[in-house]
Amino acid sequence: MSTSKLHQLQDNLAALDFEIPAELQQRLDQVSRPETHFPYTFFEPGLQGMINGGATVGDKPTSYYPPVLVQGAGAGVTSKDV
């Protein structure tokens, strides 16, 4: 910030004092999310389910944001097969 007077700094900082409503934030996140390209497709739930064989895997503590939790059925494995 390039300011020469205290009131300019206060005005600039006051302009940041707002919250985006949760619904709007969700819409913004959805439309601005980039397409997933190789090799990042390996981290999507469907493929992770096949890789992990249907086991639930979490690699971060529960206090970590965003939570990483993978749930899925293994490739070609159903509850009837077990």
C-alpha atoms as a PDB file:
ATOM      1  CA  MET A   1       0.000   0.000   0.000  1.00  0.00           C
ATOM      2  CA  SER A   2       1.315   3.356  -0.937  1.00  0.00           C
ATOM      3  CA  THR A   3      -0.064   5.934   1.437  1.00  0.00           C
ATOM      4  CA  SER A   4       1.374   9.136   2.799  1.00  0.00           C
ATOM      5  CA  LYS A   5      -1.212   9.907   5.458  1.00  0.00           C
ATOM      6  CA  LEU A   6      -2.630   7.872   8.296  1.00  0.00           C
ATOM      7  CA  HIS A   7      -6.245   8.388   7.190  1.00  0.00           C
ATOM      8  CA  GLN A   8      -5.379   6.929   3.756  1.00  0.00           C
ATOM      9  CA  LEU A   9      -4.018   3.812   5.395  1.00  0.00           C
ATOM     10  CA  GLN A  10      -7.079   3.547   7.628  1.00  0.00           C
ATOM     11  CA  ASP A  11      -9.400   3.941   4.623  1.00  0.00           C
ATOM     12  CA  ASN A  12      -7.534   1.260   2.680  1.00  0.00           C
ATOM     13  CA  LEU A  13      -7.623  -1.154   5.601  1.00  0.00           C
ATOM     14  CA  ALA A  14     -11.321  -0.439   6.214  1.00  0.00           C
ATOM     15  CA  ALA A  15     -12.037  -1.441   2.601  1.00  0.00           C
ATOM     16  CA  LEU A  16     -10.919  -4.967   3.501  1.00  0.00           C
ATOM     17  CA  ASP A  17     -13.399  -5.254   6.364  1.00  0.00           C
ATOM     18  CA  PHE A  18     -16.140  -7.322   4.730  1.00  0.00           C
ATOM     19  CA  GLU A  19     -17.224 -10.940   4.457  1.00  0.00           C
ATOM     20  CA  ILE A  20     -18.317 -12.795   1.367  1.00  0.00           C
ATOM     21  CA  PRO A  21     -21.509 -14.754   2.113  1.00  0.00           C
ATOM     22  CA  ALA A  22     -20.921 -18.527   2.253  1.00  0.00           C
ATOM     23  CA  GLU A  23     -23.243 -19.223  -0.703  1.00  0.00           C
ATOM     24  CA  LEU A  24     -21.421 -16.708  -2.895  1.00  0.00           C
ATOM     25  CA  GLN A  25     -18.022 -18.048  -1.783  1.00  0.00           C
ATOM     26  CA  GLN A  26     -19.133 -21.545  -2.762  1.00  0.00           C
ATOM     27  CA  ARG A  27     -20.256 -20.323  -6.195  1.00  0.00           C
ATOM     28  CA  LEU A  28     -16.991 -18.433  -6.717  1.00  0.00           C
ATOM     29  CA  ASP A  29     -14.964 -21.493  -5.720  1.00  0.00           C
ATOM     30  CA  GLN A  30     -16.966 -23.675  -8.095  1.00  0.00           C
ATOM     31  CA  VAL A  31     -16.645 -21.454 -11.175  1.00  0.00           C
ATOM     32  CA  SER A  32     -12.989 -20.558 -10.595  1.00  0.00           C
ATOM     33  CA  ARG A  33     -11.743 -24.098  -9.883  1.00  0.00           C
ATOM     34  CA  PRO A  34      -9.313 -25.074 -12.654  1.00  0.00           C
ATOM     35  CA  GLU A  35      -9.786 -28.307 -14.585  1.00  0.00           C
ATOM     36  CA  THR A  36      -7.933 -31.272 -13.167  1.00  0.00           C
ATOM     37  CA  HIS A  37      -5.286 -32.548 -15.570  1.00  0.00           C
ATOM     38  CA  PHE A  38      -2.885 -35.499 -15.436  1.00  0.00           C
ATOM     39  CA  PRO A  39      -1.253 -36.390 -13.039  1.00  0.00           C
ATOM     40  CA  TYR A  40      -3.583 -34.632 -10.582  1.00  0.00           C
ATOM     41  CA  THR A  41      -6.474 -36.873 -11.612  1.00  0.00           C
ATOM     42  CA  PHE A  42      -4.851 -39.520  -9.407  1.00  0.00           C
ATOM     43  CA  PHE A  43      -6.051 -37.532  -6.374  1.00  0.00           C
ATOM     44  CA  GLU A  44      -9.742 -37.581  -7.303  1.00  0.00           C
ATOM     45  CA  PRO A  45     -12.059 -39.726  -5.135  1.00  0.00           C
ATOM     46  CA  GLY A  46     -12.906 -42.377  -7.746  1.00  0.00           C
ATOM     47  CA  LEU A  47      -9.311 -43.220  -8.596  1.00  0.00           C
ATOM     48  CA  GLN A  48      -8.195 -42.968  -4.962  1.00  0.00           C
ATOM     49  CA  GLY A  49     -10.903 -45.487  -4.062  1.00  0.00           C
ATOM     50  CA  MET A  50      -9.429 -47.934  -6.569  1.00  0.00           C
ATOM     51  CA  ILE A  51      -5.872 -47.261  -5.389  1.00  0.00           C
ATOM     52  CA  ASN A  52      -6.754 -47.691  -1.697  1.00  0.00           C
ATOM     53  CA  GLY A  53      -8.905 -50.771  -2.217  1.00  0.00           C
ATOM     54  CA  GLY A  54     -11.953 -49.312  -0.501  1.00  0.00           C
ATOM     55  CA  ALA A  55     -10.100 -48.456   2.729  1.00  0.00           C
ATOM     56  CA  THR A  56     -10.768 -45.061   4.293  1.00  0.00           C
ATOM     57  CA  VAL A  57      -7.517 -43.096   4.327  1.00  0.00           C
ATOM     58  CA  GLY A  58      -6.840 -39.755   6.016  1.00  0.00           C
ATOM     59  CA  ASP A  59      -3.357 -38.272   5.902  1.00  0.00           C
ATOM     60  CA  LYS A  60      -3.808 -35.119   7.973  1.00  0.00           C
ATOM     61  CA  PRO A  61      -4.866 -34.472  11.564  1.00  0.00           C
ATOM     62  CA  THR A  62      -8.549 -33.577  11.948  1.00  0.00           C
ATOM     63  CA  SER A  63      -7.618 -29.965  12.795  1.00  0.00           C
ATOM     64  CA  TYR A  64      -5.947 -29.526   9.384  1.00  0.00           C
ATOM     65  CA  TYR A  65      -7.895 -27.550   6.776  1.00  0.00           C
ATOM     66  CA  PRO A  66      -9.051 -28.750   4.318  1.00  0.00           C
ATOM     67  CA  PRO A  67      -9.685 -32.264   5.574  1.00  0.00           C
ATOM     68  CA  VAL A  68      -8.304 -35.027   3.388  1.00  0.00           C
ATOM     69  CA  LEU A  69     -10.474 -38.110   3.617  1.00  0.00           C
ATOM     70  CA  VAL A  70     -10.668 -40.712   0.884  1.00  0.00           C
ATOM     71  CA  GLN A  71     -13.530 -43.183   0.845  1.00  0.00           C
ATOM     72  CA  GLY A  72     -14.276 -45.509  -1.995  1.00  0.00           C
ATOM     73  CA  ALA A  73     -14.891 -49.000  -3.195  1.00  0.00           C
ATOM     74  CA  GLY A  74     -11.923 -50.908  -4.527  1.00  0.00           C
ATOM     75  CA  ALA A  75     -11.730 -51.660  -8.227  1.00  0.00           C
ATOM     76  CA  GLY A  76     -13.969 -54.603  -9.006  1.00  0.00           C
ATOM     77  CA  VAL A  77     -14.713 -55.295  -5.332  1.00  0.00           C
ATOM     78  CA  THR A  78     -18.241 -55.160  -3.968  1.00  0.00           C
ATOM     79  CA  SER A  79     -19.704 -56.041  -0.586  1.00  0.00           C
ATOM     80  CA  LYS A  80     -21.055 -59.243  -2.191  1.00  0.00           C
ATOM     81  CA  ASP A  81     -17.481 -60.357  -2.948  1.00  0.00           C
ATOM     82  CA  VAL A  82     -16.305 -60.047   0.650  1.00  0.00           C
END
